[in-house]
Each structure stands twice: as C-alpha cells, then as structure tokens.
C-alpha atoms as a PDB file:
ATOM      1  CA  MET A   1     -16.169   5.113  18.746  1.00  0.00           C
ATOM      2  CA  ASN A   2     -16.083   6.512  22.258  1.00  0.00           C
ATOM      3  CA  LYS A   3     -17.876   9.198  23.487  1.00  0.00           C
ATOM      4  CA  ASP A   4     -16.079  11.610  25.452  1.00  0.00           C
ATOM      5  CA  LYS A   5     -17.028  14.543  27.693  1.00  0.00           C
ATOM      6  CA  GLY A   6     -18.820  17.441  25.944  1.00  0.00           C
ATOM      7  CA  GLY A   7     -20.161  14.867  23.355  1.00  0.00           C
ATOM      8  CA  GLU A   8     -17.124  14.486  21.047  1.00  0.00           C
ATOM      9  CA  ARG A   9     -16.422  11.244  19.120  1.00  0.00           C
ATOM     10  CA  THR A  10     -13.159   9.645  18.983  1.00  0.00           C
ATOM     11  CA  ARG A  11     -11.409   6.755  17.584  1.00  0.00           C
ATOM     12  CA  LYS A  12      -9.030   4.993  19.256  1.00  0.00           C
ATOM     13  CA  ASP A  13      -6.496   3.420  17.027  1.00  0.00           C
ATOM     14  CA  ALA A  14      -6.798  -0.419  17.500  1.00  0.00           C
ATOM     15  CA  LYS A  15      -4.702  -2.589  15.870  1.00  0.00           C
ATOM     16  CA  ILE A  16      -6.923  -4.892  13.355  1.00  0.00           C
ATOM     17  CA  PRO A  17      -7.458  -8.708  14.189  1.00  0.00           C
ATOM     18  CA  ALA A  18      -5.867 -11.285  11.783  1.00  0.00           C
ATOM     19  CA  LYS A  19      -8.355 -12.852   9.206  1.00  0.00           C
ATOM     20  CA  GLY A  20      -9.989 -15.910  11.002  1.00  0.00           C
ATOM     21  CA  VAL A  21      -8.823 -14.906  14.545  1.00  0.00           C
ATOM     22  CA  SER A  22     -11.331 -13.645  17.084  1.00  0.00           C
ATOM     23  CA  SER A  23     -10.845 -10.294  18.360  1.00  0.00           C
ATOM     24  CA  GLY A  24      -9.424 -11.481  21.796  1.00  0.00           C
ATOM     25  CA  GLU A  25      -6.572 -13.635  20.547  1.00  0.00           C
ATOM     26  CA  LYS A  26      -3.699 -12.660  17.695  1.00  0.00           C
ATOM     27  CA  GLU A  27      -3.239  -9.160  16.580  1.00  0.00           C
ATOM     28  CA  THR A  28      -1.564  -7.898  13.593  1.00  0.00           C
ATOM     29  CA  VAL A  29       1.311  -5.919  12.801  1.00  0.00           C
ATOM     30  CA  PHE A  30       1.278  -3.820  10.137  1.00  0.00           C
ATOM     31  CA  ILE A  31       4.586  -3.231   7.976  1.00  0.00           C
ATOM     32  CA  GLU A  32       4.711   0.497   7.067  1.00  0.00           C
ATOM     33  CA  LYS A  33       6.181   2.379   3.961  1.00  0.00           C
ATOM     34  CA  VAL A  34       6.067   6.020   2.952  1.00  0.00           C
ATOM     35  CA  LEU A  35       6.514   5.581  -0.810  1.00  0.00           C
ATOM     36  CA  PHE A  36       6.527   9.205  -1.369  1.00  0.00           C
ATOM     37  CA  ILE A  37       5.390  12.985  -0.365  1.00  0.00           C
ATOM     38  CA  ASN A  38       4.504  15.535  -2.401  1.00  0.00           C
ATOM     39  CA  ARG A  39       4.027  19.007  -1.882  1.00  0.00           C
ATOM     40  CA  THR A  40       1.123  21.140  -3.655  1.00  0.00           C
ATOM     41  CA  THR A  41       0.676  24.725  -3.499  1.00  0.00           C
ATOM     42  CA  LYS A  42      -3.293  26.475  -3.676  1.00  0.00           C
ATOM     43  CA  VAL A  43      -2.368  29.981  -4.758  1.00  0.00           C
ATOM     44  CA  THR A  44      -5.662  31.744  -3.786  1.00  0.00           C
ATOM     45  CA  LYS A  45      -6.223  35.901  -2.933  1.00  0.00           C
ATOM     46  CA  GLY A  46      -4.697  35.456   0.542  1.00  0.00           C
ATOM     47  CA  GLY A  47      -1.561  33.888  -0.522  1.00  0.00           C
ATOM     48  CA  LYS A  48      -0.102  30.418  -1.102  1.00  0.00           C
ATOM     49  CA  ASN A  49      -1.661  27.439   0.721  1.00  0.00           C
ATOM     50  CA  LEU A  50       0.778  24.607   1.327  1.00  0.00           C
ATOM     51  CA  GLY A  51      -0.295  20.816   1.114  1.00  0.00           C
ATOM     52  CA  PHE A  52       0.819  17.726   1.283  1.00  0.00           C
ATOM     53  CA  SER A  53       0.049  14.058   0.117  1.00  0.00           C
ATOM     54  CA  ALA A  54       1.879  11.038   1.149  1.00  0.00           C
ATOM     55  CA  LEU A  55       1.540   7.466  -0.736  1.00  0.00           C
ATOM     56  CA  VAL A  56       2.204   5.168   1.687  1.00  0.00           C
ATOM     57  CA  VAL A  57       1.626   1.122   1.592  1.00  0.00           C
ATOM     58  CA  VAL A  58       1.112  -1.377   4.306  1.00  0.00           C
ATOM     59  CA  GLY A  59       1.014  -5.338   4.819  1.00  0.00           C
ATOM     60  CA  ASP A  60       1.678  -8.080   7.309  1.00  0.00           C
ATOM     61  CA  GLY A  61       4.295  -9.715   5.541  1.00  0.00           C
ATOM     62  CA  ASN A  62       2.045 -12.823   5.019  1.00  0.00           C
ATOM     63  CA  SER A  63      -0.265 -12.221   1.931  1.00  0.00           C
ATOM     64  CA  ASN A  64      -2.174  -9.339   3.095  1.00  0.00           C
ATOM     65  CA  ALA A  65      -1.534  -5.699   1.944  1.00  0.00           C
ATOM     66  CA  GLY A  66      -3.036  -2.123   1.160  1.00  0.00           C
ATOM     67  CA  PHE A  67      -2.015   1.325  -0.574  1.00  0.00           C
ATOM     68  CA  ALA A  68      -3.497   4.689   0.040  1.00  0.00           C
ATOM     69  CA  LEU A  69      -2.938   8.149  -0.877  1.00  0.00           C
ATOM     70  CA  GLY A  70      -2.995  10.561   2.551  1.00  0.00           C
ATOM     71  CA  LYS A  71      -3.830  14.408   2.431  1.00  0.00           C
ATOM     72  CA  ALA A  72      -3.503  16.995   4.989  1.00  0.00           C
ATOM     73  CA  ASN A  73      -1.580  20.675   5.441  1.00  0.00           C
ATOM     74  CA  GLU A  74       0.959  18.654   7.331  1.00  0.00           C
ATOM     75  CA  VAL A  75       3.459  15.684   6.036  1.00  0.00           C
ATOM     76  CA  ALA A  76       2.419  13.801   9.247  1.00  0.00           C
ATOM     77  CA  ASP A  77      -1.155  14.285   9.209  1.00  0.00           C
ATOM     78  CA  ALA A  78      -0.873  13.137   5.638  1.00  0.00           C
ATOM     79  CA  ILE A  79       1.465  10.058   6.388  1.00  0.00           C
ATOM     80  CA  ARG A  80      -1.115   9.554   9.447  1.00  0.00           C
ATOM     81  CA  LYS A  81      -4.074   9.716   6.866  1.00  0.00           C
ATOM     82  CA  GLY A  82      -2.503   7.538   4.439  1.00  0.00           C
ATOM     83  CA  ILE A  83      -1.760   4.916   7.067  1.00  0.00           C
ATOM     84  CA  ASN A  84      -5.273   4.213   8.538  1.00  0.00           C
ATOM     85  CA  LYS A  85      -6.851   4.238   4.581  1.00  0.00           C
ATOM     86  CA  ALA A  86      -4.335   1.947   3.992  1.00  0.00           C
ATOM     87  CA  LYS A  87      -5.637  -0.073   7.065  1.00  0.00           C
ATOM     88  CA  LYS A  88      -9.268  -0.101   5.748  1.00  0.00           C
ATOM     89  CA  ARG A  89      -8.094  -1.358   2.286  1.00  0.00           C
ATOM     90  CA  VAL A  90      -5.554  -4.579   3.315  1.00  0.00           C
ATOM     91  CA  MET A  91      -6.486  -7.168   0.773  1.00  0.00           C
ATOM     92  CA  PHE A  92      -5.252 -11.068   0.497  1.00  0.00           C
ATOM     93  CA  ILE A  93      -2.855 -11.811  -2.112  1.00  0.00           C
ATOM     94  CA  ARG A  94      -2.032 -14.991  -3.036  1.00  0.00           C
ATOM     95  CA  ARG A  95       1.385 -16.548  -2.850  1.00  0.00           C
ATOM     96  CA  LYS A  96       3.078 -19.533  -3.949  1.00  0.00           C
ATOM     97  CA  GLY A  97       5.907 -19.927  -1.138  1.00  0.00           C
ATOM     98  CA  THR A  98       7.792 -17.168  -1.255  1.00  0.00           C
ATOM     99  CA  THR A  99       6.779 -15.586  -5.271  1.00  0.00           C
ATOM    100  CA  ILE A 100       3.816 -15.670  -7.409  1.00  0.00           C
ATOM    101  CA  PRO A 101       1.776 -18.429  -8.607  1.00  0.00           C
ATOM    102  CA  HIS A 102       2.314 -17.054 -12.147  1.00  0.00           C
ATOM    103  CA  LYS A 103       3.084 -14.521 -14.698  1.00  0.00           C
ATOM    104  CA  VAL A 104       0.688 -11.886 -14.971  1.00  0.00           C
ATOM    105  CA  ILE A 105       0.667  -7.938 -16.251  1.00  0.00           C
ATOM    106  CA  GLY A 106      -1.127  -5.432 -14.036  1.00  0.00           C
ATOM    107  CA  GLU A 107      -2.360  -2.589 -16.202  1.00  0.00           C
ATOM    108  CA  PHE A 108      -3.426   1.132 -14.725  1.00  0.00           C
ATOM    109  CA  GLY A 109      -3.479   4.506 -16.524  1.00  0.00           C
ATOM    110  CA  ALA A 110      -0.014   4.252 -18.893  1.00  0.00           C
ATOM    111  CA  VAL A 111       1.843   1.561 -16.711  1.00  0.00           C
ATOM    112  CA  GLU A 112       1.948  -1.884 -17.733  1.00  0.00           C
ATOM    113  CA  MET A 113       3.497  -3.667 -15.322  1.00  0.00           C
ATOM    114  CA  LEU A 114       4.907  -7.444 -15.783  1.00  0.00           C
ATOM    115  CA  LEU A 115       5.359  -9.585 -12.967  1.00  0.00           C
ATOM    116  CA  LYS A 116       7.091 -12.719 -12.985  1.00  0.00           C
ATOM    117  CA  PRO A 117       7.645 -15.818 -10.690  1.00  0.00           C
ATOM    118  CA  ALA A 118      11.942 -16.367  -9.850  1.00  0.00           C
ATOM    119  CA  SER A 119      13.457 -18.889  -8.254  1.00  0.00           C
ATOM    120  CA  GLN A 120      14.191 -19.171  -4.624  1.00  0.00           C
ATOM    121  CA  GLY A 121      17.009 -17.086  -3.816  1.00  0.00           C
ATOM    122  CA  THR A 122      16.716 -14.632  -6.919  1.00  0.00           C
ATOM    123  CA  GLY A 123      15.217 -12.076  -4.326  1.00  0.00           C
ATOM    124  CA  VAL A 124      13.304  -8.582  -5.816  1.00  0.00           C
ATOM    125  CA  ILE A 125      14.246  -7.313  -9.191  1.00  0.00           C
ATOM    126  CA  ALA A 126      12.099  -3.893  -9.180  1.00  0.00           C
ATOM    127  CA  CYS A 127      11.739  -0.411  -8.475  1.00  0.00           C
ATOM    128  CA  SER A 128      11.257   1.225  -5.563  1.00  0.00           C
ATOM    129  CA  PRO A 129       7.729   1.269  -5.286  1.00  0.00           C
ATOM    130  CA  VAL A 130       6.788  -2.448  -6.175  1.00  0.00           C
ATOM    131  CA  ARG A 131       9.441  -3.599  -3.898  1.00  0.00           C
ATOM    132  CA  ALA A 132       7.816  -1.726  -1.059  1.00  0.00           C
ATOM    133  CA  VAL A 133       4.519  -3.521  -2.441  1.00  0.00           C
ATOM    134  CA  CYS A 134       6.586  -7.278  -2.132  1.00  0.00           C
ATOM    135  CA  GLU A 135       7.844  -6.307   1.097  1.00  0.00           C
ATOM    136  CA  CYS A 136       4.730  -5.643   2.696  1.00  0.00           C
ATOM    137  CA  VAL A 137       3.106  -8.528   1.061  1.00  0.00           C
ATOM    138  CA  GLY A 138       5.662 -10.915   1.596  1.00  0.00           C
ATOM    139  CA  ILE A 139       6.851 -11.959  -1.761  1.00  0.00           C
ATOM    140  CA  LYS A 140      10.607 -12.707  -1.425  1.00  0.00           C
ATOM    141  CA  ASP A 141      11.435 -13.797  -4.886  1.00  0.00           C
ATOM    142  CA  ILE A 142      10.148 -11.791  -8.393  1.00  0.00           C
ATOM    143  CA  LEU A 143      11.146 -10.578 -11.398  1.00  0.00           C
ATOM    144  CA  THR A 144       9.240  -7.002 -12.435  1.00  0.00           C
ATOM    145  CA  LYS A 145       9.247  -5.172 -15.510  1.00  0.00           C
ATOM    146  CA  ASN A 146       7.410  -1.581 -16.727  1.00  0.00           C
ATOM    147  CA  LEU A 147       6.255  -2.482 -20.053  1.00  0.00           C
ATOM    148  CA  GLY A 148       4.186   1.030 -20.193  1.00  0.00           C
ATOM    149  CA  ASN A 149       5.251   4.541 -20.810  1.00  0.00           C
ATOM    150  CA  SER A 150       4.759   6.205 -17.448  1.00  0.00           C
ATOM    151  CA  THR A 151       6.840   5.526 -14.073  1.00  0.00           C
ATOM    152  CA  ASN A 152       4.615   7.684 -12.281  1.00  0.00           C
ATOM    153  CA  GLN A 153       4.548   5.815  -8.389  1.00  0.00           C
ATOM    154  CA  LEU A 154       0.825   5.737  -7.547  1.00  0.00           C
ATOM    155  CA  ASN A 155       0.046   4.292 -11.092  1.00  0.00           C
ATOM    156  CA  VAL A 156       2.745   1.630 -10.970  1.00  0.00           C
ATOM    157  CA  VAL A 157       1.614   1.128  -6.824  1.00  0.00           C
ATOM    158  CA  LYS A 158      -2.026   0.595  -8.474  1.00  0.00           C
ATOM    159  CA  ALA A 159      -1.212  -1.853 -11.696  1.00  0.00           C
ATOM    160  CA  THR A 160       0.868  -4.110  -9.000  1.00  0.00           C
ATOM    161  CA  PHE A 161      -2.033  -4.689  -7.070  1.00  0.00           C
ATOM    162  CA  GLU A 162      -4.226  -5.278 -10.066  1.00  0.00           C
ATOM    163  CA  GLY A 163      -2.240  -7.827 -11.169  1.00  0.00           C
ATOM    164  CA  LEU A 164      -1.632  -9.097  -7.681  1.00  0.00           C
ATOM    165  CA  LYS A 165      -5.470  -9.547  -7.143  1.00  0.00           C
ATOM    166  CA  SER A 166      -5.791 -10.806 -10.190  1.00  0.00           C
ATOM    167  CA  PHE A 167      -5.248 -14.147  -8.984  1.00  0.00           C
ATOM    168  CA  LYS A 168      -7.677 -16.805  -8.052  1.00  0.00           C
ATOM    169  CA  GLY A 169      -8.088 -18.695  -5.012  1.00  0.00           C
END
C-alpha cells in the first residue's frame, strides 16, 4: 500500500507473480470471464436503490483459477471487485495433460456436477459456467453433466470448483 498526500491509502493494481517465481522475473496474466451480471433492487422509504452483482472467473490457463461474486452500485465496479476478489482466491487445480486425472462429482447445494476425463481432441462438452471455468484452468478435453436439480450459475461454478479441487497432488 502506498501513502498519498493527505494520508489516504491506495493500493496499486499489480500483477500477481507466478508460483515458484520471485517477484522480479515473471508475472502471471489472468484470463477473466464474466459469467453473469444480476441487477437487484432495494425498495426504501426514499425510493428504489439499484445494485449489481457480477460472477467472475479468472485463471492463467495453466492449472490456476479462482472465482468470486463482486457487488456494487455500478456494473463496472461490480466486475472490478469480482476480478480483484477472484485473483486473491486463486487455487491450483491438478490436470493430466489436457484433461482431468479421473472421474469426479462436485456437489454444492442442489447441484451435482459430474466431471469426466475425455480423450484428446474431444473438446469441452459443458454448460457455459463450466466451460468458462475449464478455459481459465486450461482444461481442453472434458465431459460434464449436471446431475442435480438446479442450474443456478453460482452454485454450478461452486460445485465445479469443489470437484476440481478434490484431486490430490
């Protein structure tokens, strides 16, 4: 954090260094995907207050990814907050070549997300939230199926991350 004139503290946006690399050598460039923007309204005595929330997934395309929900009164601020929060929550996801090591089911809420490895050249067979997560992680071949009773995008992303982070290693 830097101290400006007037005692106000600001934080400069810096790229996060890659794992295992000192801060002077190589910096990670993240892929940023906005999955959905939700408009909310709070009715008060003075009128209606609009707010926005944005679900964002970030990753470096090389086994590191994270997600977050940013909330603000403006769309751009909600997206920016989501990206900053997601960059702080980046986690390592184990891969096997261009796919995942084995079949797994990730569960969150009413969502059960089946993730199966696929042979090279298959592509990403998935719904849009899972496709975005796979692109950010760097998975190019995978088969997925939502076995649960919900298609809520936030819960689908959480279930996908639950499944992906369950790989040991």
